[in-house]
Amino acid sequence: MSHAEKTVSHKKPLIEITKNGPYIVKNIEYLISAEGTALPIQPVMALCRCGGSSNKPFCDGTHNMINFEDSTT
């Protein structure tokens, strides 16, 4: 078991929606790509919500450059 897995395994998972920005995901045990591949995890991660990241599913800050605006927050 990796250090990240040990760190998050006892905490409750949490997803926060940031205004005009990414999902902030905390304390997840695993993350699977759309193709079914296991992705590396960290205790806190930012996941793309604008669709423009070149590092999907992770946020790379593109939402700022394209002036992404949401209607959920």
PDB file of N, CA and C in Angstrom:
ATOM      1  N   MET A   1       0.857  -1.184   0.000  1.00  0.00           N
ATOM      2  CA  MET A   1       0.000   0.000   0.000  1.00  0.00           C
ATOM      3  C   MET A   1       0.897   1.239   0.000  1.00  0.00           C
ATOM      4  N   SER A   2       0.593   2.173  -0.887  1.00  0.00           N
ATOM      5  CA  SER A   2       1.405   3.388  -0.986  1.00  0.00           C
ATOM      6  C   SER A   2       1.100   4.345   0.164  1.00  0.00           C
ATOM      7  N   HIS A   3       1.982   5.340   0.316  1.00  0.00           N
ATOM      8  CA  HIS A   3       1.770   6.366   1.353  1.00  0.00           C
ATOM      9  C   HIS A   3       0.445   7.085   1.134  1.00  0.00           C
ATOM     10  N   ALA A   4       0.114   7.433  -0.122  1.00  0.00           N
ATOM     11  CA  ALA A   4      -1.139   8.132  -0.415  1.00  0.00           C
ATOM     12  C   ALA A   4      -2.335   7.270  -0.028  1.00  0.00           C
ATOM     13  N   GLU A   5      -2.260   5.971  -0.310  1.00  0.00           N
ATOM     14  CA  GLU A   5      -3.364   5.082   0.053  1.00  0.00           C
ATOM     15  C   GLU A   5      -3.523   5.003   1.561  1.00  0.00           C
ATOM     16  N   LYS A   6      -2.426   4.932   2.299  1.00  0.00           N
ATOM     17  CA  LYS A   6      -2.499   4.892   3.758  1.00  0.00           C
ATOM     18  C   LYS A   6      -3.068   6.195   4.303  1.00  0.00           C
ATOM     19  N   THR A   7      -2.740   7.312   3.672  1.00  0.00           N
ATOM     20  CA  THR A   7      -3.184   8.631   4.138  1.00  0.00           C
ATOM     21  C   THR A   7      -4.679   8.800   3.988  1.00  0.00           C
ATOM     22  N   VAL A   8      -5.254   8.321   2.880  1.00  0.00           N
ATOM     23  CA  VAL A   8      -6.657   8.597   2.608  1.00  0.00           C
ATOM     24  C   VAL A   8      -7.606   7.489   3.038  1.00  0.00           C
ATOM     25  N   SER A   9      -7.116   6.298   3.299  1.00  0.00           N
ATOM     26  CA  SER A   9      -7.988   5.159   3.513  1.00  0.00           C
ATOM     27  C   SER A   9      -8.902   5.296   4.728  1.00  0.00           C
ATOM     28  N   HIS A  10      -8.551   6.089   5.715  1.00  0.00           N
ATOM     29  CA  HIS A  10      -9.364   6.203   6.913  1.00  0.00           C
ATOM     30  C   HIS A  10     -10.221   7.475   6.949  1.00  0.00           C
ATOM     31  N   LYS A  11     -10.142   8.289   5.912  1.00  0.00           N
ATOM     32  CA  LYS A  11     -10.896   9.538   5.880  1.00  0.00           C
ATOM     33  C   LYS A  11     -12.053   9.442   4.897  1.00  0.00           C
ATOM     34  N   LYS A  12     -13.087  10.223   5.145  1.00  0.00           N
ATOM     35  CA  LYS A  12     -14.262  10.225   4.294  1.00  0.00           C
ATOM     36  C   LYS A  12     -13.969  10.975   2.983  1.00  0.00           C
ATOM     37  N   PRO A  13     -14.291  10.369   1.824  1.00  0.00           N
ATOM     38  CA  PRO A  13     -14.098  11.068   0.546  1.00  0.00           C
ATOM     39  C   PRO A  13     -14.951  12.332   0.470  1.00  0.00           C
ATOM     40  N   LEU A  14     -14.437  13.343  -0.224  1.00  0.00           N
ATOM     41  CA  LEU A  14     -15.129  14.612  -0.340  1.00  0.00           C
ATOM     42  C   LEU A  14     -14.866  15.204  -1.720  1.00  0.00           C
ATOM     43  N   ILE A  15     -15.912  15.743  -2.353  1.00  0.00           N
ATOM     44  CA  ILE A  15     -15.774  16.444  -3.626  1.00  0.00           C
ATOM     45  C   ILE A  15     -16.343  17.844  -3.446  1.00  0.00           C
ATOM     46  N   GLU A  16     -15.517  18.852  -3.737  1.00  0.00           N
ATOM     47  CA  GLU A  16     -15.945  20.242  -3.660  1.00  0.00           C
ATOM     48  C   GLU A  16     -15.962  20.821  -5.071  1.00  0.00           C
ATOM     49  N   ILE A  17     -16.983  21.609  -5.389  1.00  0.00           N
ATOM     50  CA  ILE A  17     -17.050  22.292  -6.680  1.00  0.00           C
ATOM     51  C   ILE A  17     -16.565  23.716  -6.465  1.00  0.00           C
ATOM     52  N   THR A  18     -15.512  24.105  -7.180  1.00  0.00           N
ATOM     53  CA  THR A  18     -15.025  25.469  -7.053  1.00  0.00           C
ATOM     54  C   THR A  18     -15.697  26.341  -8.101  1.00  0.00           C
ATOM     55  N   LYS A  19     -15.934  27.604  -7.763  1.00  0.00           N
ATOM     56  CA  LYS A  19     -16.594  28.524  -8.681  1.00  0.00           C
ATOM     57  C   LYS A  19     -15.726  28.716  -9.920  1.00  0.00           C
ATOM     58  N   ASN A  20     -16.296  28.405 -11.068  1.00  0.00           N
ATOM     59  CA  ASN A  20     -15.630  28.554 -12.364  1.00  0.00           C
ATOM     60  C   ASN A  20     -14.294  27.822 -12.439  1.00  0.00           C
ATOM     61  N   GLY A  21     -14.173  26.743 -11.682  1.00  0.00           N
ATOM     62  CA  GLY A  21     -12.921  26.003 -11.658  1.00  0.00           C
ATOM     63  C   GLY A  21     -13.129  24.510 -11.507  1.00  0.00           C
ATOM     64  N   PRO A  22     -12.112  23.804 -11.061  1.00  0.00           N
ATOM     65  CA  PRO A  22     -12.146  22.342 -11.023  1.00  0.00           C
ATOM     66  C   PRO A  22     -12.938  21.777  -9.848  1.00  0.00           C
ATOM     67  N   TYR A  23     -13.134  20.474  -9.901  1.00  0.00           N
ATOM     68  CA  TYR A  23     -13.595  19.728  -8.743  1.00  0.00           C
ATOM     69  C   TYR A  23     -12.372  19.507  -7.865  1.00  0.00           C
ATOM     70  N   ILE A  24     -12.487  19.753  -6.579  1.00  0.00           N
ATOM     71  CA  ILE A  24     -11.436  19.424  -5.630  1.00  0.00           C
ATOM     72  C   ILE A  24     -11.866  18.125  -4.955  1.00  0.00           C
ATOM     73  N   VAL A  25     -11.066  17.096  -5.141  1.00  0.00           N
ATOM     74  CA  VAL A  25     -11.394  15.758  -4.653  1.00  0.00           C
ATOM     75  C   VAL A  25     -10.412  15.411  -3.547  1.00  0.00           C
ATOM     76  N   LYS A  26     -10.958  14.980  -2.423  1.00  0.00           N
ATOM     77  CA  LYS A  26     -10.117  14.666  -1.265  1.00  0.00           C
ATOM     78  C   LYS A  26     -10.408  13.263  -0.763  1.00  0.00           C
ATOM     79  N   ASN A  27      -9.354  12.605  -0.343  1.00  0.00           N
ATOM     80  CA  ASN A  27      -9.463  11.342   0.390  1.00  0.00           C
ATOM     81  C   ASN A  27     -10.106  10.203  -0.395  1.00  0.00           C
ATOM     82  N   ILE A  28      -9.834  10.096  -1.687  1.00  0.00           N
ATOM     83  CA  ILE A  28     -10.382   8.966  -2.430  1.00  0.00           C
ATOM     84  C   ILE A  28      -9.376   7.818  -2.420  1.00  0.00           C
ATOM     85  N   GLU A  29      -9.887   6.617  -2.534  1.00  0.00           N
ATOM     86  CA  GLU A  29      -9.025   5.438  -2.474  1.00  0.00           C
ATOM     87  C   GLU A  29      -8.499   5.048  -3.845  1.00  0.00           C
ATOM     88  N   TYR A  30      -9.240   5.373  -4.917  1.00  0.00           N
ATOM     89  CA  TYR A  30      -8.780   5.062  -6.260  1.00  0.00           C
ATOM     90  C   TYR A  30      -9.467   5.967  -7.263  1.00  0.00           C
ATOM     91  N   LEU A  31      -8.880   6.070  -8.455  1.00  0.00           N
ATOM     92  CA  LEU A  31      -9.422   6.876  -9.542  1.00  0.00           C
ATOM     93  C   LEU A  31      -9.186   6.095 -10.827  1.00  0.00           C
ATOM     94  N   ILE A  32     -10.253   5.891 -11.602  1.00  0.00           N
ATOM     95  CA  ILE A  32     -10.186   5.099 -12.823  1.00  0.00           C
ATOM     96  C   ILE A  32     -10.503   5.997 -14.013  1.00  0.00           C
ATOM     97  N   SER A  33      -9.694   5.916 -15.084  1.00  0.00           N
ATOM     98  CA  SER A  33      -9.928   6.714 -16.292  1.00  0.00           C
ATOM     99  C   SER A  33     -11.137   6.167 -17.050  1.00  0.00           C
ATOM    100  N   ALA A  34     -11.593   6.911 -18.037  1.00  0.00           N
ATOM    101  CA  ALA A  34     -12.709   6.479 -18.881  1.00  0.00           C
ATOM    102  C   ALA A  34     -12.364   5.187 -19.616  1.00  0.00           C
ATOM    103  N   GLU A  35     -11.076   4.937 -19.831  1.00  0.00           N
ATOM    104  CA  GLU A  35     -10.634   3.718 -20.506  1.00  0.00           C
ATOM    105  C   GLU A  35     -10.469   2.538 -19.553  1.00  0.00           C
ATOM    106  N   GLY A  36     -10.663   2.783 -18.254  1.00  0.00           N
ATOM    107  CA  GLY A  36     -10.553   1.719 -17.263  1.00  0.00           C
ATOM    108  C   GLY A  36      -9.189   1.579 -16.618  1.00  0.00           C
ATOM    109  N   THR A  37      -8.299   2.517 -16.875  1.00  0.00           N
ATOM    110  CA  THR A  37      -6.950   2.487 -16.317  1.00  0.00           C
ATOM    111  C   THR A  37      -6.934   3.151 -14.944  1.00  0.00           C
ATOM    112  N   ALA A  38      -6.256   2.518 -14.000  1.00  0.00           N
ATOM    113  CA  ALA A  38      -6.089   3.133 -12.676  1.00  0.00           C
ATOM    114  C   ALA A  38      -5.152   4.326 -12.797  1.00  0.00           C
ATOM    115  N   LEU A  39      -5.548   5.444 -12.224  1.00  0.00           N
ATOM    116  CA  LEU A  39      -4.750   6.668 -12.260  1.00  0.00           C
ATOM    117  C   LEU A  39      -4.119   6.919 -10.902  1.00  0.00           C
ATOM    118  N   PRO A  40      -2.986   7.629 -10.870  1.00  0.00           N
ATOM    119  CA  PRO A  40      -2.345   7.929  -9.586  1.00  0.00           C
ATOM    120  C   PRO A  40      -3.219   8.865  -8.757  1.00  0.00           C
ATOM    121  N   ILE A  41      -3.190   8.660  -7.467  1.00  0.00           N
ATOM    122  CA  ILE A  41      -3.991   9.511  -6.590  1.00  0.00           C
ATOM    123  C   ILE A  41      -3.097  10.234  -5.595  1.00  0.00           C
ATOM    124  N   GLN A  42      -3.620  11.341  -5.102  1.00  0.00           N
ATOM    125  CA  GLN A  42      -3.009  12.136  -4.044  1.00  0.00           C
ATOM    126  C   GLN A  42      -4.094  12.400  -3.011  1.00  0.00           C
ATOM    127  N   PRO A  43      -3.741  12.784  -1.798  1.00  0.00           N
ATOM    128  CA  PRO A  43      -4.775  13.084  -0.798  1.00  0.00           C
ATOM    129  C   PRO A  43      -5.734  14.188  -1.236  1.00  0.00           C
ATOM    130  N   VAL A  44      -5.236  15.168  -2.012  1.00  0.00           N
ATOM    131  CA  VAL A  44      -6.079  16.246  -2.548  1.00  0.00           C
ATOM    132  C   VAL A  44      -5.718  16.409  -4.019  1.00  0.00           C
ATOM    133  N   MET A  45      -6.756  16.407  -4.886  1.00  0.00           N
ATOM    134  CA  MET A  45      -6.531  16.541  -6.333  1.00  0.00           C
ATOM    135  C   MET A  45      -7.553  17.510  -6.925  1.00  0.00           C
ATOM    136  N   ALA A  46      -7.167  18.168  -8.010  1.00  0.00           N
ATOM    137  CA  ALA A  46      -8.074  19.037  -8.764  1.00  0.00           C
ATOM    138  C   ALA A  46      -8.381  18.337 -10.081  1.00  0.00           C
ATOM    139  N   LEU A  47      -9.664  18.092 -10.332  1.00  0.00           N
ATOM    140  CA  LEU A  47     -10.084  17.419 -11.558  1.00  0.00           C
ATOM    141  C   LEU A  47     -10.772  18.413 -12.486  1.00  0.00           C
ATOM    142  N   CYS A  48     -10.437  18.321 -13.774  1.00  0.00           N
ATOM    143  CA  CYS A  48     -10.942  19.247 -14.786  1.00  0.00           C
ATOM    144  C   CYS A  48     -12.464  19.193 -14.872  1.00  0.00           C
ATOM    145  N   ARG A  49     -13.050  20.364 -14.990  1.00  0.00           N
ATOM    146  CA  ARG A  49     -14.483  20.491 -15.159  1.00  0.00           C
ATOM    147  C   ARG A  49     -14.820  21.280 -16.420  1.00  0.00           C
ATOM    148  N   CYS A  50     -13.841  22.003 -16.960  1.00  0.00           N
ATOM    149  CA  CYS A  50     -14.110  22.843 -18.136  1.00  0.00           C
ATOM    150  C   CYS A  50     -13.971  22.071 -19.445  1.00  0.00           C
ATOM    151  N   GLY A  51     -13.272  20.940 -19.412  1.00  0.00           N
ATOM    152  CA  GLY A  51     -13.064  20.146 -20.612  1.00  0.00           C
ATOM    153  C   GLY A  51     -11.845  20.544 -21.419  1.00  0.00           C
ATOM    154  N   GLY A  52     -11.125  21.565 -20.992  1.00  0.00           N
ATOM    155  CA  GLY A  52     -10.009  22.072 -21.772  1.00  0.00           C
ATOM    156  C   GLY A  52      -8.632  21.629 -21.329  1.00  0.00           C
ATOM    157  N   SER A  53      -8.525  20.921 -20.223  1.00  0.00           N
ATOM    158  CA  SER A  53      -7.212  20.535 -19.706  1.00  0.00           C
ATOM    159  C   SER A  53      -6.483  19.623 -20.675  1.00  0.00           C
ATOM    160  N   SER A  54      -5.190  19.829 -20.803  1.00  0.00           N
ATOM    161  CA  SER A  54      -4.379  18.931 -21.621  1.00  0.00           C
ATOM    162  C   SER A  54      -3.863  17.765 -20.778  1.00  0.00           C
ATOM    163  N   ASN A  55      -4.253  17.718 -19.516  1.00  0.00           N
ATOM    164  CA  ASN A  55      -3.826  16.665 -18.602  1.00  0.00           C
ATOM    165  C   ASN A  55      -5.036  15.983 -17.968  1.00  0.00           C
ATOM    166  N   LYS A  56      -6.120  15.825 -18.746  1.00  0.00           N
ATOM    167  CA  LYS A  56      -7.351  15.232 -18.206  1.00  0.00           C
ATOM    168  C   LYS A  56      -7.082  13.858 -17.627  1.00  0.00           C
ATOM    169  N   PRO A  57      -7.718  13.521 -16.540  1.00  0.00           N
ATOM    170  CA  PRO A  57      -8.819  14.219 -15.901  1.00  0.00           C
ATOM    171  C   PRO A  57      -8.377  15.304 -14.928  1.00  0.00           C
ATOM    172  N   PHE A  58      -7.070  15.543 -14.842  1.00  0.00           N
ATOM    173  CA  PHE A  58      -6.564  16.512 -13.879  1.00  0.00           C
ATOM    174  C   PHE A  58      -6.627  17.933 -14.437  1.00  0.00           C
ATOM    175  N   CYS A  59      -6.851  18.884 -13.574  1.00  0.00           N
ATOM    176  CA  CYS A  59      -6.912  20.297 -13.955  1.00  0.00           C
ATOM    177  C   CYS A  59      -5.498  20.819 -14.208  1.00  0.00           C
ATOM    178  N   ASP A  60      -5.355  21.590 -15.290  1.00  0.00           N
ATOM    179  CA  ASP A  60      -4.061  22.236 -15.568  1.00  0.00           C
ATOM    180  C   ASP A  60      -4.178  23.756 -15.597  1.00  0.00           C
ATOM    181  N   GLY A  61      -5.313  24.284 -15.142  1.00  0.00           N
ATOM    182  CA  GLY A  61      -5.505  25.730 -15.091  1.00  0.00           C
ATOM    183  C   GLY A  61      -6.108  26.329 -16.345  1.00  0.00           C
ATOM    184  N   THR A  62      -6.423  25.513 -17.343  1.00  0.00           N
ATOM    185  CA  THR A  62      -6.988  26.014 -18.596  1.00  0.00           C
ATOM    186  C   THR A  62      -8.273  26.798 -18.370  1.00  0.00           C
ATOM    187  N   HIS A  63      -9.040  26.442 -17.349  1.00  0.00           N
ATOM    188  CA  HIS A  63     -10.303  27.140 -17.093  1.00  0.00           C
ATOM    189  C   HIS A  63     -10.091  28.650 -16.960  1.00  0.00           C
ATOM    190  N   ASN A  64      -8.945  29.057 -16.429  1.00  0.00           N
ATOM    191  CA  ASN A  64      -8.639  30.492 -16.313  1.00  0.00           C
ATOM    192  C   ASN A  64      -8.392  31.131 -17.672  1.00  0.00           C
ATOM    193  N   MET A  65      -7.684  30.411 -18.541  1.00  0.00           N
ATOM    194  CA  MET A  65      -7.338  30.961 -19.862  1.00  0.00           C
ATOM    195  C   MET A  65      -8.541  31.055 -20.788  1.00  0.00           C
ATOM    196  N   ILE A  66      -9.514  30.133 -20.626  1.00  0.00           N
ATOM    197  CA  ILE A  66     -10.676  30.144 -21.516  1.00  0.00           C
ATOM    198  C   ILE A  66     -11.892  30.817 -20.878  1.00  0.00           C
ATOM    199  N   ASN A  67     -11.685  31.398 -19.702  1.00  0.00           N
ATOM    200  CA  ASN A  67     -12.766  32.082 -18.977  1.00  0.00           C
ATOM    201  C   ASN A  67     -13.978  31.179 -18.747  1.00  0.00           C
ATOM    202  N   PHE A  68     -13.708  29.972 -18.305  1.00  0.00           N
ATOM    203  CA  PHE A  68     -14.782  29.012 -18.005  1.00  0.00           C
ATOM    204  C   PHE A  68     -15.705  29.576 -16.937  1.00  0.00           C
ATOM    205  N   GLU A  69     -16.999  29.498 -17.199  1.00  0.00           N
ATOM    206  CA  GLU A  69     -18.009  29.914 -16.220  1.00  0.00           C
ATOM    207  C   GLU A  69     -19.007  28.800 -16.067  1.00  0.00           C
ATOM    208  N   ASP A  70     -19.339  28.499 -14.821  1.00  0.00           N
ATOM    209  CA  ASP A  70     -20.315  27.468 -14.558  1.00  0.00           C
ATOM    210  C   ASP A  70     -21.639  28.065 -14.090  1.00  0.00           C
ATOM    211  N   SER A  71     -22.632  27.250 -13.986  1.00  0.00           N
ATOM    212  CA  SER A  71     -23.923  27.731 -13.490  1.00  0.00           C
ATOM    213  C   SER A  71     -24.316  26.994 -12.221  1.00  0.00           C
ATOM    214  N   THR A  72     -23.378  26.238 -11.625  1.00  0.00           N
ATOM    215  CA  THR A  72     -23.709  25.430 -10.453  1.00  0.00           C
ATOM    216  C   THR A  72     -23.314  26.059  -9.138  1.00  0.00           C
ATOM    217  N   THR A  73     -22.451  27.088  -9.166  1.00  0.00           N
ATOM    218  CA  THR A  73     -22.018  27.650  -7.875  1.00  0.00           C
ATOM    219  C   THR A  73     -22.403  29.110  -7.780  1.00  0.00           C
TER     220      THR A  73
END
